[in-house]
PDB file of all heavy atoms in Angstrom:
ATOM      1  N   GLU A   1       0.837  -1.200   0.000  1.00  0.00           N
ATOM      2  CA  GLU A   1       0.000   0.000   0.000  1.00  0.00           C
ATOM      3  C   GLU A   1       0.874   1.253   0.000  1.00  0.00           C
ATOM      4  O   GLU A   1       0.598   2.220  -0.722  1.00  0.00           O
ATOM      5  CB  GLU A   1      -0.916  -0.010   1.219  1.00  0.00           C
ATOM      6  CG  GLU A   1      -1.834   1.213   1.339  1.00  0.00           C
ATOM      7  CD  GLU A   1      -2.923   1.240   0.301  1.00  0.00           C
ATOM      8  OE1 GLU A   1      -3.335   0.158  -0.160  1.00  0.00           O
ATOM      9  OE2 GLU A   1      -3.371   2.353  -0.051  1.00  0.00           O
ATOM     10  N   ARG A   2       1.930   1.223   0.795  1.00  0.00           N
ATOM     11  CA  ARG A   2       2.820   2.371   0.858  1.00  0.00           C
ATOM     12  C   ARG A   2       3.569   2.569  -0.459  1.00  0.00           C
ATOM     13  O   ARG A   2       3.729   3.700  -0.925  1.00  0.00           O
ATOM     14  CB  ARG A   2       3.808   2.214   2.020  1.00  0.00           C
ATOM     15  CG  ARG A   2       4.526   3.501   2.382  1.00  0.00           C
ATOM     16  CD  ARG A   2       5.174   3.397   3.743  1.00  0.00           C
ATOM     17  NE  ARG A   2       5.784   4.676   4.111  1.00  0.00           N
ATOM     18  CZ  ARG A   2       6.478   4.873   5.220  1.00  0.00           C
ATOM     19  NH1 ARG A   2       6.625   3.881   6.093  1.00  0.00           N
ATOM     20  NH2 ARG A   2       6.999   6.077   5.483  1.00  0.00           N
ATOM     21  N   ILE A   3       4.031   1.477  -1.057  1.00  0.00           N
ATOM     22  CA  ILE A   3       4.701   1.560  -2.353  1.00  0.00           C
ATOM     23  C   ILE A   3       3.772   2.160  -3.395  1.00  0.00           C
ATOM     24  O   ILE A   3       4.169   2.997  -4.209  1.00  0.00           O
ATOM     25  CB  ILE A   3       5.200   0.162  -2.780  1.00  0.00           C
ATOM     26  CG1 ILE A   3       6.347  -0.297  -1.875  1.00  0.00           C
ATOM     27  CG2 ILE A   3       5.640   0.151  -4.243  1.00  0.00           C
ATOM     28  CD1 ILE A   3       6.725  -1.757  -2.047  1.00  0.00           C
ATOM     29  N   ARG A   4       2.517   1.752  -3.372  1.00  0.00           N
ATOM     30  CA  ARG A   4       1.532   2.250  -4.337  1.00  0.00           C
ATOM     31  C   ARG A   4       1.247   3.733  -4.183  1.00  0.00           C
ATOM     32  O   ARG A   4       0.774   4.382  -5.134  1.00  0.00           O
ATOM     33  CB  ARG A   4       0.221   1.480  -4.190  1.00  0.00           C
ATOM     34  CG  ARG A   4       0.249   0.040  -4.647  1.00  0.00           C
ATOM     35  CD  ARG A   4      -1.113  -0.608  -4.436  1.00  0.00           C
ATOM     36  NE  ARG A   4      -2.150   0.063  -5.210  1.00  0.00           N
ATOM     37  CZ  ARG A   4      -3.457  -0.055  -4.977  1.00  0.00           C
ATOM     38  NH1 ARG A   4      -3.876  -0.791  -3.941  1.00  0.00           N
ATOM     39  NH2 ARG A   4      -4.331   0.576  -5.732  1.00  0.00           N
ATOM     40  N   SER A   5       1.532   4.290  -3.025  1.00  0.00           N
ATOM     41  CA  SER A   5       1.185   5.693  -2.764  1.00  0.00           C
ATOM     42  C   SER A   5       2.110   6.672  -3.482  1.00  0.00           C
ATOM     43  O   SER A   5       1.812   7.871  -3.540  1.00  0.00           O
ATOM     44  CB  SER A   5       1.212   5.970  -1.254  1.00  0.00           C
ATOM     45  OG  SER A   5       2.541   5.957  -0.744  1.00  0.00           O
ATOM     46  N   TYR A   6       3.214   6.187  -4.039  1.00  0.00           N
ATOM     47  CA  TYR A   6       4.163   7.064  -4.727  1.00  0.00           C
ATOM     48  C   TYR A   6       3.822   7.137  -6.219  1.00  0.00           C
ATOM     49  O   TYR A   6       3.471   6.129  -6.831  1.00  0.00           O
ATOM     50  CB  TYR A   6       5.592   6.545  -4.556  1.00  0.00           C
ATOM     51  CG  TYR A   6       6.133   6.709  -3.154  1.00  0.00           C
ATOM     52  CD1 TYR A   6       5.749   5.827  -2.138  1.00  0.00           C
ATOM     53  CD2 TYR A   6       7.026   7.717  -2.834  1.00  0.00           C
ATOM     54  CE1 TYR A   6       6.240   5.959  -0.849  1.00  0.00           C
ATOM     55  CE2 TYR A   6       7.534   7.847  -1.542  1.00  0.00           C
ATOM     56  CZ  TYR A   6       7.130   6.965  -0.565  1.00  0.00           C
ATOM     57  OH  TYR A   6       7.628   7.093   0.721  1.00  0.00           O
ATOM     58  N   PRO A   7       3.956   8.317  -6.822  1.00  0.00           N
ATOM     59  CA  PRO A   7       3.589   8.492  -8.239  1.00  0.00           C
ATOM     60  C   PRO A   7       4.690   8.014  -9.183  1.00  0.00           C
ATOM     61  O   PRO A   7       5.273   8.796  -9.946  1.00  0.00           O
ATOM     62  CB  PRO A   7       3.367  10.004  -8.341  1.00  0.00           C
ATOM     63  CG  PRO A   7       4.328  10.588  -7.346  1.00  0.00           C
ATOM     64  CD  PRO A   7       4.358   9.616  -6.200  1.00  0.00           C
ATOM     65  N   ALA A   8       4.934   6.728  -9.181  1.00  0.00           N
ATOM     66  CA  ALA A   8       6.050   6.185  -9.948  1.00  0.00           C
ATOM     67  C   ALA A   8       5.707   6.033 -11.425  1.00  0.00           C
ATOM     68  O   ALA A   8       4.611   5.590 -11.778  1.00  0.00           O
ATOM     69  CB  ALA A   8       6.460   4.830  -9.370  1.00  0.00           C
ATOM     70  N   ASP A   9       6.668   6.357 -12.264  1.00  0.00           N
ATOM     71  CA  ASP A   9       6.564   6.096 -13.697  1.00  0.00           C
ATOM     72  C   ASP A   9       7.269   4.789 -14.077  1.00  0.00           C
ATOM     73  O   ASP A   9       7.084   4.282 -15.187  1.00  0.00           O
ATOM     74  CB  ASP A   9       7.176   7.248 -14.504  1.00  0.00           C
ATOM     75  CG  ASP A   9       6.373   8.527 -14.384  1.00  0.00           C
ATOM     76  OD1 ASP A   9       5.134   8.447 -14.245  1.00  0.00           O
ATOM     77  OD2 ASP A   9       6.976   9.624 -14.408  1.00  0.00           O
ATOM     78  N   ALA A  10       8.087   4.283 -13.159  1.00  0.00           N
ATOM     79  CA  ALA A  10       8.774   3.015 -13.389  1.00  0.00           C
ATOM     80  C   ALA A  10       8.882   2.276 -12.060  1.00  0.00           C
ATOM     81  O   ALA A  10       9.259   2.866 -11.046  1.00  0.00           O
ATOM     82  CB  ALA A  10      10.162   3.237 -13.981  1.00  0.00           C
ATOM     83  N   LEU A  11       8.556   0.989 -12.088  1.00  0.00           N
ATOM     84  CA  LEU A  11       8.661   0.113 -10.921  1.00  0.00           C
ATOM     85  C   LEU A  11       9.752  -0.909 -11.217  1.00  0.00           C
ATOM     86  O   LEU A  11       9.616  -1.721 -12.130  1.00  0.00           O
ATOM     87  CB  LEU A  11       7.330  -0.587 -10.653  1.00  0.00           C
ATOM     88  CG  LEU A  11       7.287  -1.577  -9.482  1.00  0.00           C
ATOM     89  CD1 LEU A  11       7.354  -0.841  -8.151  1.00  0.00           C
ATOM     90  CD2 LEU A  11       6.018  -2.443  -9.551  1.00  0.00           C
ATOM     91  N   LEU A  12      10.833  -0.867 -10.424  1.00  0.00           N
ATOM     92  CA  LEU A  12      11.975  -1.732 -10.661  1.00  0.00           C
ATOM     93  C   LEU A  12      12.059  -2.763  -9.534  1.00  0.00           C
ATOM     94  O   LEU A  12      12.450  -2.436  -8.420  1.00  0.00           O
ATOM     95  CB  LEU A  12      13.273  -0.916 -10.734  1.00  0.00           C
ATOM     96  CG  LEU A  12      13.270   0.298 -11.678  1.00  0.00           C
ATOM     97  CD1 LEU A  12      14.676   0.895 -11.761  1.00  0.00           C
ATOM     98  CD2 LEU A  12      12.755  -0.079 -13.060  1.00  0.00           C
ATOM     99  N   PRO A  13      11.703  -4.016  -9.815  1.00  0.00           N
ATOM    100  CA  PRO A  13      11.724  -5.050  -8.778  1.00  0.00           C
ATOM    101  C   PRO A  13      13.099  -5.684  -8.623  1.00  0.00           C
ATOM    102  O   PRO A  13      13.990  -5.488  -9.460  1.00  0.00           O
ATOM    103  CB  PRO A  13      10.707  -6.072  -9.298  1.00  0.00           C
ATOM    104  CG  PRO A  13      10.807  -5.945 -10.796  1.00  0.00           C
ATOM    105  CD  PRO A  13      11.140  -4.503 -11.089  1.00  0.00           C
ATOM    106  N   GLY A  14      13.234  -6.484  -7.567  1.00  0.00           N
ATOM    107  CA  GLY A  14      14.494  -7.179  -7.333  1.00  0.00           C
ATOM    108  C   GLY A  14      14.698  -8.380  -8.228  1.00  0.00           C
ATOM    109  O   GLY A  14      15.810  -8.915  -8.320  1.00  0.00           O
ATOM    110  N   HIS A  15      13.652  -8.833  -8.901  1.00  0.00           N
ATOM    111  CA  HIS A  15      13.711  -9.938  -9.853  1.00  0.00           C
ATOM    112  C   HIS A  15      12.776  -9.632 -11.013  1.00  0.00           C
ATOM    113  O   HIS A  15      11.746  -8.986 -10.847  1.00  0.00           O
ATOM    114  CB  HIS A  15      13.268 -11.259  -9.215  1.00  0.00           C
ATOM    115  CG  HIS A  15      14.150 -11.747  -8.113  1.00  0.00           C
ATOM    116  ND1 HIS A  15      15.213 -12.589  -8.322  1.00  0.00           N
ATOM    117  CD2 HIS A  15      14.102 -11.514  -6.783  1.00  0.00           C
ATOM    118  CE1 HIS A  15      15.787 -12.859  -7.164  1.00  0.00           C
ATOM    119  NE2 HIS A  15      15.136 -12.219  -6.217  1.00  0.00           N
ATOM    120  N   MET A  16      13.154 -10.118 -12.197  1.00  0.00           N
ATOM    121  CA  MET A  16      12.302 -10.054 -13.368  1.00  0.00           C
ATOM    122  C   MET A  16      12.202  -8.639 -13.922  1.00  0.00           C
ATOM    123  O   MET A  16      12.902  -7.737 -13.474  1.00  0.00           O
ATOM    124  CB  MET A  16      10.938 -10.699 -13.076  1.00  0.00           C
ATOM    125  CG  MET A  16      11.071 -12.145 -12.564  1.00  0.00           C
ATOM    126  SD  MET A  16       9.568 -12.902 -11.923  1.00  0.00           S
ATOM    127  CE  MET A  16       8.502 -12.835 -13.318  1.00  0.00           C
ATOM    128  N   LEU A  17      11.362  -8.460 -14.924  1.00  0.00           N
ATOM    129  CA  LEU A  17      11.347  -7.233 -15.703  1.00  0.00           C
ATOM    130  C   LEU A  17      10.652  -6.088 -14.977  1.00  0.00           C
ATOM    131  O   LEU A  17       9.763  -6.310 -14.146  1.00  0.00           O
ATOM    132  CB  LEU A  17      10.643  -7.488 -17.038  1.00  0.00           C
ATOM    133  CG  LEU A  17      11.412  -8.387 -18.023  1.00  0.00           C
ATOM    134  CD1 LEU A  17      10.482  -8.889 -19.116  1.00  0.00           C
ATOM    135  CD2 LEU A  17      12.587  -7.622 -18.625  1.00  0.00           C
ATOM    136  N   PRO A  18      11.050  -4.847 -15.288  1.00  0.00           N
ATOM    137  CA  PRO A  18      10.379  -3.688 -14.693  1.00  0.00           C
ATOM    138  C   PRO A  18       8.963  -3.525 -15.219  1.00  0.00           C
ATOM    139  O   PRO A  18       8.600  -4.073 -16.270  1.00  0.00           O
ATOM    140  CB  PRO A  18      11.268  -2.514 -15.119  1.00  0.00           C
ATOM    141  CG  PRO A  18      11.943  -2.969 -16.372  1.00  0.00           C
ATOM    142  CD  PRO A  18      12.152  -4.449 -16.206  1.00  0.00           C
ATOM    143  N   VAL A  19       8.182  -2.757 -14.465  1.00  0.00           N
ATOM    144  CA  VAL A  19       6.842  -2.377 -14.883  1.00  0.00           C
ATOM    145  C   VAL A  19       6.888  -0.881 -15.186  1.00  0.00           C
ATOM    146  O   VAL A  19       7.294  -0.090 -14.338  1.00  0.00           O
ATOM    147  CB  VAL A  19       5.798  -2.673 -13.791  1.00  0.00           C
ATOM    148  CG1 VAL A  19       4.397  -2.324 -14.272  1.00  0.00           C
ATOM    149  CG2 VAL A  19       5.869  -4.146 -13.359  1.00  0.00           C
ATOM    150  N   LEU A  20       6.454  -0.496 -16.380  1.00  0.00           N
ATOM    151  CA  LEU A  20       6.602   0.885 -16.829  1.00  0.00           C
ATOM    152  C   LEU A  20       5.244   1.522 -17.097  1.00  0.00           C
ATOM    153  O   LEU A  20       4.336   0.868 -17.633  1.00  0.00           O
ATOM    154  CB  LEU A  20       7.468   0.931 -18.092  1.00  0.00           C
ATOM    155  CG  LEU A  20       8.866   0.284 -17.985  1.00  0.00           C
ATOM    156  CD1 LEU A  20       9.589   0.339 -19.321  1.00  0.00           C
ATOM    157  CD2 LEU A  20       9.690   0.953 -16.899  1.00  0.00           C
ATOM    158  N   GLY A  21       5.146   2.807 -16.734  1.00  0.00           N
ATOM    159  CA  GLY A  21       3.913   3.556 -16.946  1.00  0.00           C
ATOM    160  C   GLY A  21       3.071   3.607 -15.681  1.00  0.00           C
ATOM    161  O   GLY A  21       2.813   2.578 -15.060  1.00  0.00           O
ATOM    162  N   ARG A  22       2.626   4.815 -15.314  1.00  0.00           N
ATOM    163  CA  ARG A  22       1.945   4.997 -14.038  1.00  0.00           C
ATOM    164  C   ARG A  22       0.656   4.194 -13.949  1.00  0.00           C
ATOM    165  O   ARG A  22       0.365   3.577 -12.920  1.00  0.00           O
ATOM    166  CB  ARG A  22       1.662   6.484 -13.791  1.00  0.00           C
ATOM    167  CG  ARG A  22       1.276   6.789 -12.342  1.00  0.00           C
ATOM    168  CD  ARG A  22       1.207   8.274 -12.076  1.00  0.00           C
ATOM    169  NE  ARG A  22       2.471   8.930 -12.409  1.00  0.00           N
ATOM    170  CZ  ARG A  22       2.661  10.238 -12.321  1.00  0.00           C
ATOM    171  NH1 ARG A  22       1.679  11.025 -11.935  1.00  0.00           N
ATOM    172  NH2 ARG A  22       3.844  10.760 -12.652  1.00  0.00           N
ATOM    173  N   GLU A  23      -0.139   4.177 -15.024  1.00  0.00           N
ATOM    174  CA  GLU A  23      -1.394   3.435 -14.984  1.00  0.00           C
ATOM    175  C   GLU A  23      -1.150   1.935 -14.855  1.00  0.00           C
ATOM    176  O   GLU A  23      -1.845   1.245 -14.112  1.00  0.00           O
ATOM    177  CB  GLU A  23      -2.223   3.736 -16.233  1.00  0.00           C
ATOM    178  CG  GLU A  23      -2.805   5.145 -16.271  1.00  0.00           C
ATOM    179  CD  GLU A  23      -3.734   5.357 -17.440  1.00  0.00           C
ATOM    180  OE1 GLU A  23      -4.027   4.365 -18.151  1.00  0.00           O
ATOM    181  OE2 GLU A  23      -4.185   6.511 -17.646  1.00  0.00           O
ATOM    182  N   ARG A  24      -0.159   1.439 -15.585  1.00  0.00           N
ATOM    183  CA  ARG A  24       0.152   0.019 -15.518  1.00  0.00           C
ATOM    184  C   ARG A  24       0.664  -0.369 -14.126  1.00  0.00           C
ATOM    185  O   ARG A  24       0.276  -1.407 -13.586  1.00  0.00           O
ATOM    186  CB  ARG A  24       1.197  -0.325 -16.577  1.00  0.00           C
ATOM    187  CG  ARG A  24       1.630  -1.795 -16.593  1.00  0.00           C
ATOM    188  CD  ARG A  24       0.484  -2.733 -16.879  1.00  0.00           C
ATOM    189  NE  ARG A  24       0.949  -4.106 -17.011  1.00  0.00           N
ATOM    190  CZ  ARG A  24       0.140  -5.153 -17.035  1.00  0.00           C
ATOM    191  NH1 ARG A  24      -1.177  -4.971 -16.951  1.00  0.00           N
ATOM    192  NH2 ARG A  24       0.626  -6.387 -17.154  1.00  0.00           N
ATOM    193  N   ILE A  25       1.504   0.446 -13.547  1.00  0.00           N
ATOM    194  CA  ILE A  25       2.010   0.185 -12.199  1.00  0.00           C
ATOM    195  C   ILE A  25       0.863   0.141 -11.203  1.00  0.00           C
ATOM    196  O   ILE A  25       0.794  -0.752 -10.349  1.00  0.00           O
ATOM    197  CB  ILE A  25       3.051   1.242 -11.797  1.00  0.00           C
ATOM    198  CG1 ILE A  25       4.309   1.101 -12.661  1.00  0.00           C
ATOM    199  CG2 ILE A  25       3.408   1.129 -10.314  1.00  0.00           C
ATOM    200  CD1 ILE A  25       5.263   2.270 -12.534  1.00  0.00           C
ATOM    201  N   SER A  26      -0.046   1.103 -11.300  1.00  0.00           N
ATOM    202  CA  SER A  26      -1.183   1.152 -10.393  1.00  0.00           C
ATOM    203  C   SER A  26      -2.037  -0.104 -10.522  1.00  0.00           C
ATOM    204  O   SER A  26      -2.466  -0.687  -9.516  1.00  0.00           O
ATOM    205  CB  SER A  26      -2.028   2.390 -10.680  1.00  0.00           C
ATOM    206  OG  SER A  26      -3.164   2.439  -9.843  1.00  0.00           O
ATOM    207  N   GLU A  27      -2.250  -0.556 -11.748  1.00  0.00           N
ATOM    208  CA  GLU A  27      -3.051  -1.753 -11.986  1.00  0.00           C
ATOM    209  C   GLU A  27      -2.373  -2.993 -11.426  1.00  0.00           C
ATOM    210  O   GLU A  27      -2.994  -3.788 -10.699  1.00  0.00           O
ATOM    211  CB  GLU A  27      -3.290  -1.920 -13.485  1.00  0.00           C
ATOM    212  CG  GLU A  27      -4.031  -3.205 -13.852  1.00  0.00           C
ATOM    213  CD  GLU A  27      -4.064  -3.441 -15.352  1.00  0.00           C
ATOM    214  OE1 GLU A  27      -3.585  -2.580 -16.127  1.00  0.00           O
ATOM    215  OE2 GLU A  27      -4.555  -4.518 -15.767  1.00  0.00           O
ATOM    216  N   VAL A  28      -1.078  -3.173 -11.750  1.00  0.00           N
ATOM    217  CA  VAL A  28      -0.353  -4.373 -11.344  1.00  0.00           C
ATOM    218  C   VAL A  28      -0.210  -4.438  -9.826  1.00  0.00           C
ATOM    219  O   VAL A  28      -0.527  -5.451  -9.196  1.00  0.00           O
ATOM    220  CB  VAL A  28       1.031  -4.426 -12.028  1.00  0.00           C
ATOM    221  CG1 VAL A  28       1.900  -5.515 -11.400  1.00  0.00           C
ATOM    222  CG2 VAL A  28       0.873  -4.653 -13.526  1.00  0.00           C
ATOM    223  N   LEU A  29       0.278  -3.365  -9.227  1.00  0.00           N
ATOM    224  CA  LEU A  29       0.471  -3.367  -7.774  1.00  0.00           C
ATOM    225  C   LEU A  29      -0.857  -3.478  -7.032  1.00  0.00           C
ATOM    226  O   LEU A  29      -0.939  -4.133  -5.984  1.00  0.00           O
ATOM    227  CB  LEU A  29       1.206  -2.106  -7.328  1.00  0.00           C
ATOM    228  CG  LEU A  29       2.711  -2.065  -7.541  1.00  0.00           C
ATOM    229  CD1 LEU A  29       3.288  -0.774  -6.950  1.00  0.00           C
ATOM    230  CD2 LEU A  29       3.401  -3.270  -6.913  1.00  0.00           C
ATOM    231  N   GLY A  30      -1.893  -2.844  -7.584  1.00  0.00           N
ATOM    232  CA  GLY A  30      -3.201  -2.937  -6.954  1.00  0.00           C
ATOM    233  C   GLY A  30      -3.715  -4.365  -6.926  1.00  0.00           C
ATOM    234  O   GLY A  30      -4.178  -4.864  -5.890  1.00  0.00           O
ATOM    235  N   ASN A  31      -3.632  -5.064  -8.048  1.00  0.00           N
ATOM    236  CA  ASN A  31      -4.081  -6.450  -8.112  1.00  0.00           C
ATOM    237  C   ASN A  31      -3.209  -7.357  -7.238  1.00  0.00           C
ATOM    238  O   ASN A  31      -3.711  -8.268  -6.576  1.00  0.00           O
ATOM    239  CB  ASN A  31      -4.068  -6.943  -9.556  1.00  0.00           C
ATOM    240  CG  ASN A  31      -5.202  -6.369 -10.382  1.00  0.00           C
ATOM    241  OD1 ASN A  31      -6.282  -6.075  -9.867  1.00  0.00           O
ATOM    242  ND2 ASN A  31      -4.960  -6.184 -11.675  1.00  0.00           N
ATOM    243  N   TYR A  32      -1.915  -7.105  -7.257  1.00  0.00           N
ATOM    244  CA  TYR A  32      -0.979  -7.890  -6.458  1.00  0.00           C
ATOM    245  C   TYR A  32      -1.306  -7.761  -4.975  1.00  0.00           C
ATOM    246  O   TYR A  32      -1.422  -8.765  -4.254  1.00  0.00           O
ATOM    247  CB  TYR A  32       0.432  -7.382  -6.745  1.00  0.00           C
ATOM    248  CG  TYR A  32       1.552  -8.359  -6.485  1.00  0.00           C
ATOM    249  CD1 TYR A  32       1.858  -9.350  -7.412  1.00  0.00           C
ATOM    250  CD2 TYR A  32       2.346  -8.263  -5.361  1.00  0.00           C
ATOM    251  CE1 TYR A  32       2.925 -10.219  -7.215  1.00  0.00           C
ATOM    252  CE2 TYR A  32       3.406  -9.132  -5.144  1.00  0.00           C
ATOM    253  CZ  TYR A  32       3.688 -10.109  -6.080  1.00  0.00           C
ATOM    254  OH  TYR A  32       4.742 -10.960  -5.874  1.00  0.00           O
ATOM    255  N   GLN A  33      -1.477  -6.538  -4.528  1.00  0.00           N
ATOM    256  CA  GLN A  33      -1.806  -6.285  -3.133  1.00  0.00           C
ATOM    257  C   GLN A  33      -3.153  -6.891  -2.762  1.00  0.00           C
ATOM    258  O   GLN A  33      -3.282  -7.555  -1.722  1.00  0.00           O
ATOM    259  CB  GLN A  33      -1.814  -4.783  -2.859  1.00  0.00           C
ATOM    260  CG  GLN A  33      -2.211  -4.422  -1.422  1.00  0.00           C
ATOM    261  CD  GLN A  33      -2.521  -2.949  -1.249  1.00  0.00           C
ATOM    262  OE1 GLN A  33      -2.663  -2.219  -2.227  1.00  0.00           O
ATOM    263  NE2 GLN A  33      -2.610  -2.488  -0.024  1.00  0.00           N
ATOM    264  N   GLU A  34      -4.160  -6.678  -3.594  1.00  0.00           N
ATOM    265  CA  GLU A  34      -5.496  -7.140  -3.262  1.00  0.00           C
ATOM    266  C   GLU A  34      -5.599  -8.667  -3.288  1.00  0.00           C
ATOM    267  O   GLU A  34      -6.347  -9.260  -2.516  1.00  0.00           O
ATOM    268  CB  GLU A  34      -6.519  -6.521  -4.208  1.00  0.00           C
ATOM    269  CG  GLU A  34      -6.721  -5.020  -3.976  1.00  0.00           C
ATOM    270  CD  GLU A  34      -7.033  -4.699  -2.524  1.00  0.00           C
ATOM    271  OE1 GLU A  34      -7.885  -5.392  -1.930  1.00  0.00           O
ATOM    272  OE2 GLU A  34      -6.410  -3.770  -1.966  1.00  0.00           O
TER     273      GLU A  34
END
C-alpha cells in the first residue's frame, strides 16, 4: 500500500522485468496487493 502511494513512472523489482507507466504500475500493484 505504501509503495503504491508514490507516483512512480517506473517500478523496478528485485527480480524479473520492470513495470513501466503509471497506470500500468497502479493496476499491477493494486491487483498484487489485493
